[in-house]
Each structure stands twice: as structure tokens, then as C-alpha cells.
PDB file of N, CA and C in Angstrom:
ATOM      1  N   MET A   1      23.786  25.033 -17.734  1.00  0.00           N
ATOM      2  CA  MET A   1      22.405  25.400 -17.546  1.00  0.00           C
ATOM      3  C   MET A   1      21.509  24.276 -18.037  1.00  0.00           C
ATOM      4  N   GLY A   2      20.314  24.262 -17.527  1.00  0.00           N
ATOM      5  CA  GLY A   2      19.370  23.232 -17.916  1.00  0.00           C
ATOM      6  C   GLY A   2      18.581  23.600 -19.152  1.00  0.00           C
ATOM      7  N   ILE A   3      17.582  22.841 -19.392  1.00  0.00           N
ATOM      8  CA  ILE A   3      16.710  23.028 -20.541  1.00  0.00           C
ATOM      9  C   ILE A   3      15.687  24.111 -20.210  1.00  0.00           C
ATOM     10  N   THR A   4      15.399  24.992 -21.159  1.00  0.00           N
ATOM     11  CA  THR A   4      14.371  26.009 -20.972  1.00  0.00           C
ATOM     12  C   THR A   4      12.996  25.356 -21.138  1.00  0.00           C
ATOM     13  N   ILE A   5      12.125  25.586 -20.173  1.00  0.00           N
ATOM     14  CA  ILE A   5      10.799  24.985 -20.173  1.00  0.00           C
ATOM     15  C   ILE A   5       9.772  26.020 -20.624  1.00  0.00           C
ATOM     16  N   ASP A   6       9.005  25.696 -21.661  1.00  0.00           N
ATOM     17  CA  ASP A   6       7.916  26.567 -22.112  1.00  0.00           C
ATOM     18  C   ASP A   6       6.770  26.466 -21.131  1.00  0.00           C
ATOM     19  N   ASP A   7       5.999  27.536 -21.019  1.00  0.00           N
ATOM     20  CA  ASP A   7       4.855  27.519 -20.113  1.00  0.00           C
ATOM     21  C   ASP A   7       3.885  26.389 -20.441  1.00  0.00           C
ATOM     22  N   ALA A   8       3.755  26.047 -21.719  1.00  0.00           N
ATOM     23  CA  ALA A   8       2.845  24.969 -22.118  1.00  0.00           C
ATOM     24  C   ALA A   8       3.287  23.614 -21.583  1.00  0.00           C
ATOM     25  N   GLU A   9       4.583  23.453 -21.289  1.00  0.00           N
ATOM     26  CA  GLU A   9       5.106  22.183 -20.774  1.00  0.00           C
ATOM     27  C   GLU A   9       5.000  22.070 -19.257  1.00  0.00           C
ATOM     28  N   ARG A  10       4.773  23.195 -18.588  1.00  0.00           N
ATOM     29  CA  ARG A  10       4.736  23.167 -17.125  1.00  0.00           C
ATOM     30  C   ARG A  10       3.563  22.331 -16.640  1.00  0.00           C
ATOM     31  N   LEU A  11       3.800  21.625 -15.551  1.00  0.00           N
ATOM     32  CA  LEU A  11       2.774  20.766 -14.962  1.00  0.00           C
ATOM     33  C   LEU A  11       1.849  21.576 -14.070  1.00  0.00           C
ATOM     34  N   THR A  12       0.619  21.133 -13.944  1.00  0.00           N
ATOM     35  CA  THR A  12      -0.246  21.696 -12.917  1.00  0.00           C
ATOM     36  C   THR A  12       0.285  21.203 -11.569  1.00  0.00           C
ATOM     37  N   PRO A  13      -0.003  21.890 -10.495  1.00  0.00           N
ATOM     38  CA  PRO A  13       0.464  21.407  -9.179  1.00  0.00           C
ATOM     39  C   PRO A  13       0.019  19.969  -8.886  1.00  0.00           C
ATOM     40  N   GLU A  14      -1.190  19.622  -9.268  1.00  0.00           N
ATOM     41  CA  GLU A  14      -1.692  18.273  -9.016  1.00  0.00           C
ATOM     42  C   GLU A  14      -0.911  17.236  -9.822  1.00  0.00           C
ATOM     43  N   HIS A  15      -0.650  17.545 -11.088  1.00  0.00           N
ATOM     44  CA  HIS A  15       0.102  16.609 -11.930  1.00  0.00           C
ATOM     45  C   HIS A  15       1.555  16.533 -11.465  1.00  0.00           C
ATOM     46  N   GLY A  16       2.108  17.650 -10.998  1.00  0.00           N
ATOM     47  CA  GLY A  16       3.465  17.648 -10.453  1.00  0.00           C
ATOM     48  C   GLY A  16       3.583  16.711  -9.261  1.00  0.00           C
ATOM     49  N   GLU A  17       2.616  16.763  -8.368  1.00  0.00           N
ATOM     50  CA  GLU A  17       2.617  15.866  -7.204  1.00  0.00           C
ATOM     51  C   GLU A  17       2.475  14.408  -7.643  1.00  0.00           C
ATOM     52  N   GLN A  18       1.657  14.159  -8.653  1.00  0.00           N
ATOM     53  CA  GLN A  18       1.479  12.800  -9.181  1.00  0.00           C
ATOM     54  C   GLN A  18       2.790  12.274  -9.774  1.00  0.00           C
ATOM     55  N   ILE A  19       3.474  13.087 -10.549  1.00  0.00           N
ATOM     56  CA  ILE A  19       4.769  12.708 -11.139  1.00  0.00           C
ATOM     57  C   ILE A  19       5.773  12.403 -10.021  1.00  0.00           C
ATOM     58  N   CYS A  20       5.773  13.224  -8.984  1.00  0.00           N
ATOM     59  CA  CYS A  20       6.709  13.012  -7.873  1.00  0.00           C
ATOM     60  C   CYS A  20       6.427  11.700  -7.144  1.00  0.00           C
ATOM     61  N   ARG A  21       5.175  11.406  -6.891  1.00  0.00           N
ATOM     62  CA  ARG A  21       4.841  10.134  -6.237  1.00  0.00           C
ATOM     63  C   ARG A  21       5.275   8.949  -7.099  1.00  0.00           C
ATOM     64  N   ALA A  22       5.043   9.030  -8.397  1.00  0.00           N
ATOM     65  CA  ALA A  22       5.382   7.928  -9.306  1.00  0.00           C
ATOM     66  C   ALA A  22       6.892   7.703  -9.411  1.00  0.00           C
ATOM     67  N   ASN A  23       7.689   8.761  -9.172  1.00  0.00           N
ATOM     68  CA  ASN A  23       9.138   8.660  -9.324  1.00  0.00           C
ATOM     69  C   ASN A  23       9.892   8.707  -7.992  1.00  0.00           C
ATOM     70  N   ASP A  24       9.161   8.638  -6.878  1.00  0.00           N
ATOM     71  CA  ASP A  24       9.756   8.703  -5.539  1.00  0.00           C
ATOM     72  C   ASP A  24      10.526   9.996  -5.292  1.00  0.00           C
ATOM     73  N   TYR A  25      10.072  11.108  -5.888  1.00  0.00           N
ATOM     74  CA  TYR A  25      10.626  12.421  -5.556  1.00  0.00           C
ATOM     75  C   TYR A  25       9.933  12.887  -4.288  1.00  0.00           C
ATOM     76  N   THR A  26      10.613  13.702  -3.514  1.00  0.00           N
ATOM     77  CA  THR A  26      10.019  14.209  -2.274  1.00  0.00           C
ATOM     78  C   THR A  26      10.016  15.732  -2.266  1.00  0.00           C
ATOM     79  N   ASP A  27       9.325  16.290  -1.310  1.00  0.00           N
ATOM     80  CA  ASP A  27       9.323  17.727  -1.034  1.00  0.00           C
ATOM     81  C   ASP A  27       8.971  18.585  -2.245  1.00  0.00           C
ATOM     82  N   TYR A  28       7.956  18.177  -2.987  1.00  0.00           N
ATOM     83  CA  TYR A  28       7.517  18.938  -4.160  1.00  0.00           C
ATOM     84  C   TYR A  28       7.043  20.326  -3.741  1.00  0.00           C
ATOM     85  N   ARG A  29       7.490  21.341  -4.482  1.00  0.00           N
ATOM     86  CA  ARG A  29       7.079  22.726  -4.215  1.00  0.00           C
ATOM     87  C   ARG A  29       6.754  23.437  -5.523  1.00  0.00           C
ATOM     88  N   ARG A  30       5.709  24.258  -5.502  1.00  0.00           N
ATOM     89  CA  ARG A  30       5.352  25.142  -6.613  1.00  0.00           C
ATOM     90  C   ARG A  30       5.617  26.569  -6.133  1.00  0.00           C
ATOM     91  N   PHE A  31       6.301  27.364  -6.932  1.00  0.00           N
ATOM     92  CA  PHE A  31       6.669  28.720  -6.548  1.00  0.00           C
ATOM     93  C   PHE A  31       5.787  29.743  -7.252  1.00  0.00           C
ATOM     94  N   ALA A  32       5.739  30.952  -6.721  1.00  0.00           N
ATOM     95  CA  ALA A  32       4.876  32.010  -7.247  1.00  0.00           C
ATOM     96  C   ALA A  32       5.197  32.357  -8.703  1.00  0.00           C
ATOM     97  N   ASN A  33       6.424  32.146  -9.137  1.00  0.00           N
ATOM     98  CA  ASN A  33       6.812  32.466 -10.516  1.00  0.00           C
ATOM     99  C   ASN A  33       6.450  31.350 -11.507  1.00  0.00           C
ATOM    100  N   GLY A  34       5.777  30.284 -11.038  1.00  0.00           N
ATOM    101  CA  GLY A  34       5.351  29.197 -11.912  1.00  0.00           C
ATOM    102  C   GLY A  34       6.310  28.031 -11.975  1.00  0.00           C
ATOM    103  N   ARG A  35       7.522  28.196 -11.465  1.00  0.00           N
ATOM    104  CA  ARG A  35       8.485  27.095 -11.466  1.00  0.00           C
ATOM    105  C   ARG A  35       8.145  26.127 -10.339  1.00  0.00           C
ATOM    106  N   ASP A  36       8.646  24.907 -10.454  1.00  0.00           N
ATOM    107  CA  ASP A  36       8.461  23.921  -9.401  1.00  0.00           C
ATOM    108  C   ASP A  36       9.760  23.166  -9.188  1.00  0.00           C
ATOM    109  N   ALA A  37       9.820  22.426  -8.091  1.00  0.00           N
ATOM    110  CA  ALA A  37      11.032  21.677  -7.764  1.00  0.00           C
ATOM    111  C   ALA A  37      10.691  20.525  -6.832  1.00  0.00           C
ATOM    112  N   ALA A  38      11.583  19.542  -6.804  1.00  0.00           N
ATOM    113  CA  ALA A  38      11.452  18.393  -5.913  1.00  0.00           C
ATOM    114  C   ALA A  38      12.852  17.854  -5.636  1.00  0.00           C
ATOM    115  N   ILE A  39      12.935  16.958  -4.673  1.00  0.00           N
ATOM    116  CA  ILE A  39      14.210  16.336  -4.312  1.00  0.00           C
ATOM    117  C   ILE A  39      14.148  14.861  -4.676  1.00  0.00           C
ATOM    118  N   THR A  40      15.257  14.346  -5.195  1.00  0.00           N
ATOM    119  CA  THR A  40      15.340  12.927  -5.526  1.00  0.00           C
ATOM    120  C   THR A  40      16.632  12.351  -4.969  1.00  0.00           C
ATOM    121  N   ARG A  41      16.593  11.084  -4.661  1.00  0.00           N
ATOM    122  CA  ARG A  41      17.767  10.355  -4.177  1.00  0.00           C
ATOM    123  C   ARG A  41      18.496   9.782  -5.375  1.00  0.00           C
ATOM    124  N   LEU A  42      19.809  10.023  -5.451  1.00  0.00           N
ATOM    125  CA  LEU A  42      20.664   9.408  -6.454  1.00  0.00           C
ATOM    126  C   LEU A  42      21.493   8.334  -5.763  1.00  0.00           C
ATOM    127  N   ILE A  43      22.420   7.712  -6.447  1.00  0.00           N
ATOM    128  CA  ILE A  43      23.178   6.615  -5.841  1.00  0.00           C
ATOM    129  C   ILE A  43      23.970   7.067  -4.616  1.00  0.00           C
ATOM    130  N   PHE A  44      24.723   8.158  -4.739  1.00  0.00           N
ATOM    131  CA  PHE A  44      25.587   8.587  -3.646  1.00  0.00           C
ATOM    132  C   PHE A  44      25.202   9.932  -3.048  1.00  0.00           C
ATOM    133  N   THR A  45      24.161  10.543  -3.519  1.00  0.00           N
ATOM    134  CA  THR A  45      23.803  11.878  -3.067  1.00  0.00           C
ATOM    135  C   THR A  45      22.328  12.142  -3.333  1.00  0.00           C
ATOM    136  N   TYR A  46      21.901  13.362  -3.125  1.00  0.00           N
ATOM    137  CA  TYR A  46      20.556  13.823  -3.452  1.00  0.00           C
ATOM    138  C   TYR A  46      20.656  14.934  -4.487  1.00  0.00           C
ATOM    139  N   ALA A  47      19.552  15.218  -5.171  1.00  0.00           N
ATOM    140  CA  ALA A  47      19.532  16.312  -6.138  1.00  0.00           C
ATOM    141  C   ALA A  47      18.218  17.064  -6.044  1.00  0.00           C
ATOM    142  N   ILE A  48      18.292  18.362  -6.300  1.00  0.00           N
ATOM    143  CA  ILE A  48      17.105  19.179  -6.473  1.00  0.00           C
ATOM    144  C   ILE A  48      16.815  19.207  -7.967  1.00  0.00           C
ATOM    145  N   LEU A  49      15.598  18.829  -8.341  1.00  0.00           N
ATOM    146  CA  LEU A  49      15.159  18.871  -9.731  1.00  0.00           C
ATOM    147  C   LEU A  49      14.202  20.049  -9.875  1.00  0.00           C
ATOM    148  N   ALA A  50      14.434  20.900 -10.853  1.00  0.00           N
ATOM    149  CA  ALA A  50      13.583  22.074 -11.062  1.00  0.00           C
ATOM    150  C   ALA A  50      12.940  22.029 -12.432  1.00  0.00           C
ATOM    151  N   ASP A  51      11.813  22.693 -12.550  1.00  0.00           N
ATOM    152  CA  ASP A  51      11.074  22.779 -13.812  1.00  0.00           C
ATOM    153  C   ASP A  51      10.708  21.391 -14.325  1.00  0.00           C
ATOM    154  N   LEU A  52       9.970  20.658 -13.505  1.00  0.00           N
ATOM    155  CA  LEU A  52       9.549  19.310 -13.871  1.00  0.00           C
ATOM    156  C   LEU A  52       8.584  19.342 -15.052  1.00  0.00           C
ATOM    157  N   THR A  53       8.715  18.346 -15.916  1.00  0.00           N
ATOM    158  CA  THR A  53       7.786  18.176 -17.034  1.00  0.00           C
ATOM    159  C   THR A  53       7.345  16.722 -17.058  1.00  0.00           C
ATOM    160  N   GLU A  54       6.479  16.413 -17.987  1.00  0.00           N
ATOM    161  CA  GLU A  54       6.029  15.033 -18.176  1.00  0.00           C
ATOM    162  C   GLU A  54       7.206  14.110 -18.484  1.00  0.00           C
ATOM    163  N   TRP A  55       8.236  14.650 -19.114  1.00  0.00           N
ATOM    164  CA  TRP A  55       9.339  13.830 -19.636  1.00  0.00           C
ATOM    165  C   TRP A  55      10.654  14.000 -18.897  1.00  0.00           C
ATOM    166  N   GLY A  56      10.709  14.834 -17.866  1.00  0.00           N
ATOM    167  CA  GLY A  56      11.977  15.022 -17.157  1.00  0.00           C
ATOM    168  C   GLY A  56      11.988  16.307 -16.357  1.00  0.00           C
ATOM    169  N   HIS A  57      13.097  17.031 -16.462  1.00  0.00           N
ATOM    170  CA  HIS A  57      13.247  18.270 -15.707  1.00  0.00           C
ATOM    171  C   HIS A  57      14.181  19.213 -16.453  1.00  0.00           C
ATOM    172  N   GLY A  58      14.135  20.489 -16.092  1.00  0.00           N
ATOM    173  CA  GLY A  58      14.964  21.498 -16.743  1.00  0.00           C
ATOM    174  C   GLY A  58      16.333  21.636 -16.113  1.00  0.00           C
ATOM    175  N   ASP A  59      16.378  21.821 -14.797  1.00  0.00           N
ATOM    176  CA  ASP A  59      17.635  22.013 -14.069  1.00  0.00           C
ATOM    177  C   ASP A  59      17.784  20.953 -12.993  1.00  0.00           C
ATOM    178  N   ARG A  60      19.071  20.667 -12.640  1.00  0.00           N
ATOM    179  CA  ARG A  60      19.350  19.745 -11.548  1.00  0.00           C
ATOM    180  C   ARG A  60      20.574  20.232 -10.803  1.00  0.00           C
ATOM    181  N   TRP A  61      20.485  20.240  -9.482  1.00  0.00           N
ATOM    182  CA  TRP A  61      21.618  20.578  -8.641  1.00  0.00           C
ATOM    183  C   TRP A  61      21.853  19.431  -7.679  1.00  0.00           C
ATOM    184  N   CYS A  62      23.050  18.882  -7.664  1.00  0.00           N
ATOM    185  CA  CYS A  62      23.386  17.792  -6.760  1.00  0.00           C
ATOM    186  C   CYS A  62      23.829  18.340  -5.419  1.00  0.00           C
ATOM    187  N   LEU A  63      23.442  17.648  -4.364  1.00  0.00           N
ATOM    188  CA  LEU A  63      23.780  18.044  -2.995  1.00  0.00           C
ATOM    189  C   LEU A  63      24.782  17.043  -2.440  1.00  0.00           C
ATOM    190  N   PHE A  64      25.930  17.498  -2.065  1.00  0.00           N
ATOM    191  CA  PHE A  64      26.947  16.610  -1.523  1.00  0.00           C
ATOM    192  C   PHE A  64      26.991  16.790  -0.021  1.00  0.00           C
ATOM    193  N   GLY A  65      27.265  15.715   0.669  1.00  0.00           N
ATOM    194  CA  GLY A  65      27.358  15.880   2.105  1.00  0.00           C
ATOM    195  C   GLY A  65      27.347  14.661   2.850  1.00  0.00           C
TER     196      GLY A  65
END
């Protein structure tokens, strides 16, 4: 499991999009429950990053294919 993110650490949608642009993440989404996610390219695959913060992310799932 990933790191638990406190509500105080959650990004605003605007700041989330800014973080994604700065890190070349794509497909940023904010969900009704307050969580967010984006996709990033790794060396050999892609990953979904969830619960983005100023300093990283809470969960990550790698996509193989």
C-alpha cells in the first residue's frame, strides 16, 4: 500500500495540473472523493500515480504491456 495522504497535503486541482506539467505527467484527473491521479512514463512501462502531493504521491500502479 502507498502512503496515506492527509487532506491538508492534497493539492488544489490547479496546483495538481501545475505539478503534472512540471513533471511531464499526463491525463491528470480529480475525483469526487478528493483523490487525484495522473499517468507517468517510466523506463520500460507507464504508471498511474494517485494522491499527488507537493513532494510525491501516495500510491503507484505500474502498467505492463
